[in-house]
Amino acid sequence: MRTCFKCGKECNEHRRVCPECRGKYSGHQPELGQPLTYREIQICNLVAKGRLNKEIGFELGLAEGTVKEYMGRIFRKVGVSNRTELGVLVATKGVAA
């Protein structure tokens, strides 16, 4: 049984995204203030614990490059410019989905 990396629901798919979330991609860049996905929240929490991209990738079963892409998306969504600012933000205010 796998969990969808966008919504966190369990699904019997062999893909990483459940059927409900699969059709939601619009192809645009995320903007400031958009809600974080389940996977982005997981990554934020690991960044706040001081994990490196390689460690995050290993723990979540992702390539290091994929983690870097997530980081850029997260930075744009929450309005920070680096992982230190993100870690401080998560540690002080938490992460809102």
N, C-alpha and C. Protein backbone atom coordinates (compact mmCIF):
# COMPACT_ATOMS: atom_id res chain seq x y z
N MET A 1 0.85 -1.18 0.00
CA MET A 1 0.00 0.00 0.00
C MET A 1 0.89 1.24 0.00
N ARG A 2 0.63 2.16 -0.90
CA ARG A 2 1.39 3.40 -0.99
C ARG A 2 0.52 4.58 -0.58
N THR A 3 1.16 5.68 -0.29
CA THR A 3 0.42 6.91 -0.03
C THR A 3 0.73 7.91 -1.14
N CYS A 4 -0.26 8.67 -1.50
CA CYS A 4 -0.13 9.70 -2.52
C CYS A 4 0.78 10.80 -1.98
N PHE A 5 1.76 11.25 -2.77
CA PHE A 5 2.66 12.29 -2.26
C PHE A 5 2.04 13.67 -2.30
N LYS A 6 0.88 13.83 -2.94
CA LYS A 6 0.21 15.14 -2.95
C LYS A 6 -0.77 15.29 -1.80
N CYS A 7 -1.61 14.28 -1.59
CA CYS A 7 -2.65 14.43 -0.57
C CYS A 7 -2.42 13.54 0.66
N GLY A 8 -1.57 12.52 0.54
CA GLY A 8 -1.27 11.66 1.67
C GLY A 8 -2.23 10.50 1.87
N LYS A 9 -3.25 10.38 1.00
CA LYS A 9 -4.20 9.28 1.13
C LYS A 9 -3.56 7.98 0.65
N GLU A 10 -4.00 6.87 1.23
CA GLU A 10 -3.52 5.57 0.78
C GLU A 10 -4.21 5.21 -0.52
N CYS A 11 -3.45 4.60 -1.43
CA CYS A 11 -4.03 4.17 -2.70
C CYS A 11 -3.34 2.90 -3.15
N ASN A 12 -4.01 2.13 -3.97
CA ASN A 12 -3.47 0.87 -4.46
C ASN A 12 -2.73 1.03 -5.78
N GLU A 13 -2.46 2.25 -6.16
CA GLU A 13 -1.76 2.53 -7.42
C GLU A 13 -0.27 2.22 -7.27
N HIS A 14 0.36 1.90 -8.39
CA HIS A 14 1.81 1.71 -8.39
C HIS A 14 2.51 3.03 -8.69
N ARG A 15 1.73 4.07 -8.89
CA ARG A 15 2.28 5.39 -9.14
C ARG A 15 2.35 6.15 -7.83
N ARG A 16 3.01 7.29 -7.87
CA ARG A 16 3.18 8.09 -6.65
C ARG A 16 2.02 9.03 -6.38
N VAL A 17 1.12 9.20 -7.35
CA VAL A 17 -0.01 10.11 -7.20
C VAL A 17 -1.30 9.34 -7.37
N CYS A 18 -2.28 9.58 -6.49
CA CYS A 18 -3.57 8.89 -6.57
C CYS A 18 -4.36 9.41 -7.78
N PRO A 19 -5.37 8.67 -8.23
CA PRO A 19 -6.15 9.10 -9.39
C PRO A 19 -6.81 10.46 -9.22
N GLU A 20 -7.25 10.81 -8.01
CA GLU A 20 -7.90 12.10 -7.78
C GLU A 20 -6.94 13.26 -8.00
N CYS A 21 -5.69 13.08 -7.58
CA CYS A 21 -4.70 14.16 -7.70
C CYS A 21 -4.02 14.19 -9.06
N ARG A 22 -4.07 13.10 -9.78
CA ARG A 22 -3.32 12.99 -11.03
C ARG A 22 -3.73 14.04 -12.05
N GLY A 23 -5.00 14.38 -12.14
CA GLY A 23 -5.46 15.32 -13.15
C GLY A 23 -5.39 16.78 -12.74
N LYS A 24 -4.81 17.09 -11.58
CA LYS A 24 -4.83 18.45 -11.07
C LYS A 24 -3.68 19.33 -11.56
N TYR A 25 -2.69 18.80 -12.28
CA TYR A 25 -1.53 19.59 -12.69
C TYR A 25 -1.93 20.60 -13.75
N SER A 26 -1.61 21.86 -13.51
CA SER A 26 -1.97 22.91 -14.46
C SER A 26 -0.77 23.45 -15.21
N GLY A 27 0.45 23.08 -14.81
CA GLY A 27 1.64 23.49 -15.53
C GLY A 27 2.17 24.88 -15.18
N HIS A 28 1.60 25.56 -14.22
CA HIS A 28 2.08 26.89 -13.86
C HIS A 28 3.00 26.84 -12.66
N GLN A 29 3.76 27.89 -12.48
CA GLN A 29 4.67 27.99 -11.34
C GLN A 29 3.86 28.32 -10.09
N PRO A 30 4.19 27.72 -8.96
CA PRO A 30 3.47 28.04 -7.73
C PRO A 30 3.74 29.47 -7.30
N GLU A 31 2.75 30.09 -6.72
CA GLU A 31 2.86 31.47 -6.29
C GLU A 31 2.83 31.57 -4.78
N LEU A 32 3.30 32.68 -4.28
CA LEU A 32 3.32 32.94 -2.85
C LEU A 32 1.92 32.78 -2.26
N GLY A 33 1.82 32.06 -1.19
CA GLY A 33 0.56 31.89 -0.50
C GLY A 33 -0.23 30.65 -0.89
N GLN A 34 0.21 29.92 -1.91
CA GLN A 34 -0.49 28.68 -2.26
C GLN A 34 -0.24 27.65 -1.18
N PRO A 35 -1.22 26.77 -0.93
CA PRO A 35 -1.03 25.75 0.11
C PRO A 35 0.02 24.72 -0.29
N LEU A 36 0.70 24.20 0.70
CA LEU A 36 1.70 23.16 0.46
C LEU A 36 1.03 21.80 0.33
N THR A 37 1.62 20.94 -0.49
CA THR A 37 1.13 19.57 -0.62
C THR A 37 1.62 18.75 0.57
N TYR A 38 1.09 17.56 0.70
CA TYR A 38 1.50 16.65 1.78
C TYR A 38 3.00 16.39 1.71
N ARG A 39 3.52 16.13 0.51
CA ARG A 39 4.94 15.83 0.34
C ARG A 39 5.79 17.06 0.68
N GLU A 40 5.34 18.24 0.29
CA GLU A 40 6.09 19.46 0.60
C GLU A 40 6.14 19.69 2.11
N ILE A 41 5.07 19.38 2.80
CA ILE A 41 5.06 19.49 4.26
C ILE A 41 6.06 18.52 4.87
N GLN A 42 6.10 17.29 4.35
CA GLN A 42 7.07 16.31 4.84
C GLN A 42 8.49 16.86 4.68
N ILE A 43 8.78 17.43 3.51
CA ILE A 43 10.12 17.95 3.25
C ILE A 43 10.42 19.13 4.17
N CYS A 44 9.47 20.02 4.38
CA CYS A 44 9.67 21.16 5.29
C CYS A 44 10.03 20.68 6.69
N ASN A 45 9.33 19.67 7.17
CA ASN A 45 9.61 19.16 8.51
C ASN A 45 11.00 18.54 8.60
N LEU A 46 11.44 17.88 7.54
CA LEU A 46 12.79 17.30 7.54
C LEU A 46 13.86 18.39 7.44
N VAL A 47 13.59 19.45 6.69
CA VAL A 47 14.52 20.58 6.62
C VAL A 47 14.66 21.21 8.00
N ALA A 48 13.54 21.36 8.71
CA ALA A 48 13.58 21.95 10.05
C ALA A 48 14.39 21.10 11.03
N LYS A 49 14.49 19.79 10.74
CA LYS A 49 15.30 18.90 11.58
C LYS A 49 16.77 18.91 11.17
N GLY A 50 17.11 19.69 10.13
CA GLY A 50 18.50 19.81 9.70
C GLY A 50 18.96 18.78 8.70
N ARG A 51 18.03 18.08 8.06
CA ARG A 51 18.41 17.05 7.09
C ARG A 51 18.90 17.68 5.78
N LEU A 52 19.87 17.06 5.16
CA LEU A 52 20.37 17.46 3.85
C LEU A 52 19.45 16.92 2.76
N ASN A 53 19.55 17.49 1.55
CA ASN A 53 18.71 17.01 0.44
C ASN A 53 18.90 15.52 0.19
N LYS A 54 20.14 15.06 0.28
CA LYS A 54 20.42 13.64 0.05
C LYS A 54 19.73 12.78 1.11
N GLU A 55 19.75 13.22 2.36
CA GLU A 55 19.11 12.48 3.44
C GLU A 55 17.59 12.50 3.30
N ILE A 56 17.05 13.65 2.90
CA ILE A 56 15.60 13.75 2.67
C ILE A 56 15.19 12.80 1.56
N GLY A 57 15.96 12.80 0.47
CA GLY A 57 15.67 11.91 -0.64
C GLY A 57 15.70 10.45 -0.24
N PHE A 58 16.68 10.07 0.55
CA PHE A 58 16.79 8.68 1.00
C PHE A 58 15.59 8.31 1.86
N GLU A 59 15.23 9.19 2.79
CA GLU A 59 14.14 8.91 3.72
C GLU A 59 12.78 8.82 3.01
N LEU A 60 12.58 9.65 1.98
CA LEU A 60 11.30 9.69 1.30
C LEU A 60 11.28 8.89 -0.01
N GLY A 61 12.39 8.30 -0.37
CA GLY A 61 12.46 7.51 -1.60
C GLY A 61 12.45 8.37 -2.86
N LEU A 62 13.13 9.53 -2.80
CA LEU A 62 13.19 10.45 -3.92
C LEU A 62 14.64 10.65 -4.34
N ALA A 63 14.84 11.05 -5.58
CA ALA A 63 16.17 11.42 -6.04
C ALA A 63 16.53 12.78 -5.45
N GLU A 64 17.82 13.02 -5.27
CA GLU A 64 18.26 14.30 -4.70
C GLU A 64 17.80 15.47 -5.58
N GLY A 65 17.82 15.31 -6.88
CA GLY A 65 17.35 16.36 -7.78
C GLY A 65 15.88 16.67 -7.61
N THR A 66 15.09 15.64 -7.33
CA THR A 66 13.66 15.85 -7.09
C THR A 66 13.45 16.66 -5.82
N VAL A 67 14.24 16.37 -4.81
CA VAL A 67 14.15 17.13 -3.56
C VAL A 67 14.50 18.60 -3.82
N LYS A 68 15.51 18.85 -4.67
CA LYS A 68 15.89 20.22 -5.00
C LYS A 68 14.73 20.94 -5.70
N GLU A 69 14.04 20.24 -6.59
CA GLU A 69 12.88 20.85 -7.26
C GLU A 69 11.78 21.19 -6.25
N TYR A 70 11.53 20.27 -5.33
CA TYR A 70 10.55 20.55 -4.28
C TYR A 70 10.97 21.76 -3.46
N MET A 71 12.24 21.86 -3.14
CA MET A 71 12.72 22.97 -2.32
C MET A 71 12.45 24.30 -3.02
N GLY A 72 12.73 24.39 -4.31
CA GLY A 72 12.47 25.61 -5.05
C GLY A 72 10.99 25.97 -5.04
N ARG A 73 10.14 24.96 -5.21
CA ARG A 73 8.70 25.17 -5.19
C ARG A 73 8.24 25.66 -3.82
N ILE A 74 8.77 25.03 -2.77
CA ILE A 74 8.42 25.41 -1.40
C ILE A 74 8.87 26.85 -1.12
N PHE A 75 10.09 27.20 -1.54
CA PHE A 75 10.60 28.56 -1.32
C PHE A 75 9.65 29.59 -1.94
N ARG A 76 9.20 29.34 -3.17
CA ARG A 76 8.29 30.27 -3.84
C ARG A 76 6.94 30.35 -3.12
N LYS A 77 6.45 29.23 -2.64
CA LYS A 77 5.13 29.21 -2.00
C LYS A 77 5.12 29.93 -0.65
N VAL A 78 6.19 29.77 0.13
CA VAL A 78 6.19 30.36 1.47
C VAL A 78 6.94 31.69 1.55
N GLY A 79 7.61 32.07 0.46
CA GLY A 79 8.26 33.37 0.40
C GLY A 79 9.58 33.46 1.13
N VAL A 80 10.38 32.40 1.07
CA VAL A 80 11.72 32.41 1.64
C VAL A 80 12.73 32.22 0.52
N SER A 81 14.00 32.49 0.80
CA SER A 81 15.01 32.37 -0.25
C SER A 81 16.03 31.27 0.00
N ASN A 82 16.03 30.66 1.18
CA ASN A 82 16.97 29.57 1.43
C ASN A 82 16.45 28.62 2.50
N ARG A 83 17.14 27.50 2.67
CA ARG A 83 16.67 26.46 3.59
C ARG A 83 16.78 26.89 5.05
N THR A 84 17.69 27.79 5.36
CA THR A 84 17.80 28.28 6.73
C THR A 84 16.55 29.06 7.11
N GLU A 85 16.12 29.96 6.22
CA GLU A 85 14.90 30.72 6.48
C GLU A 85 13.70 29.78 6.59
N LEU A 86 13.66 28.77 5.73
CA LEU A 86 12.57 27.80 5.78
C LEU A 86 12.57 27.05 7.10
N GLY A 87 13.74 26.60 7.54
CA GLY A 87 13.85 25.88 8.80
C GLY A 87 13.40 26.71 9.98
N VAL A 88 13.79 27.98 10.00
CA VAL A 88 13.38 28.88 11.08
C VAL A 88 11.88 29.10 11.04
N LEU A 89 11.33 29.30 9.84
CA LEU A 89 9.89 29.51 9.68
C LEU A 89 9.10 28.31 10.20
N VAL A 90 9.53 27.13 9.82
CA VAL A 90 8.85 25.90 10.26
C VAL A 90 8.97 25.71 11.75
N ALA A 91 10.16 25.98 12.29
CA ALA A 91 10.39 25.80 13.72
C ALA A 91 9.58 26.78 14.56
N THR A 92 9.38 28.00 14.07
CA THR A 92 8.68 29.01 14.86
C THR A 92 7.17 29.02 14.62
N LYS A 93 6.75 28.88 13.36
CA LYS A 93 5.33 29.00 13.04
C LYS A 93 4.68 27.70 12.62
N GLY A 94 5.46 26.67 12.34
CA GLY A 94 4.90 25.43 11.84
C GLY A 94 4.63 25.52 10.34
N VAL A 95 4.03 24.47 9.81
CA VAL A 95 3.75 24.42 8.37
C VAL A 95 2.26 24.28 8.18
N ALA A 96 1.68 25.14 7.36
CA ALA A 96 0.25 25.07 7.06
C ALA A 96 0.03 24.43 5.72
N ALA A 97 -0.89 23.47 5.66
CA ALA A 97 -1.18 22.79 4.40
C ALA A 97 -2.06 23.67 3.53
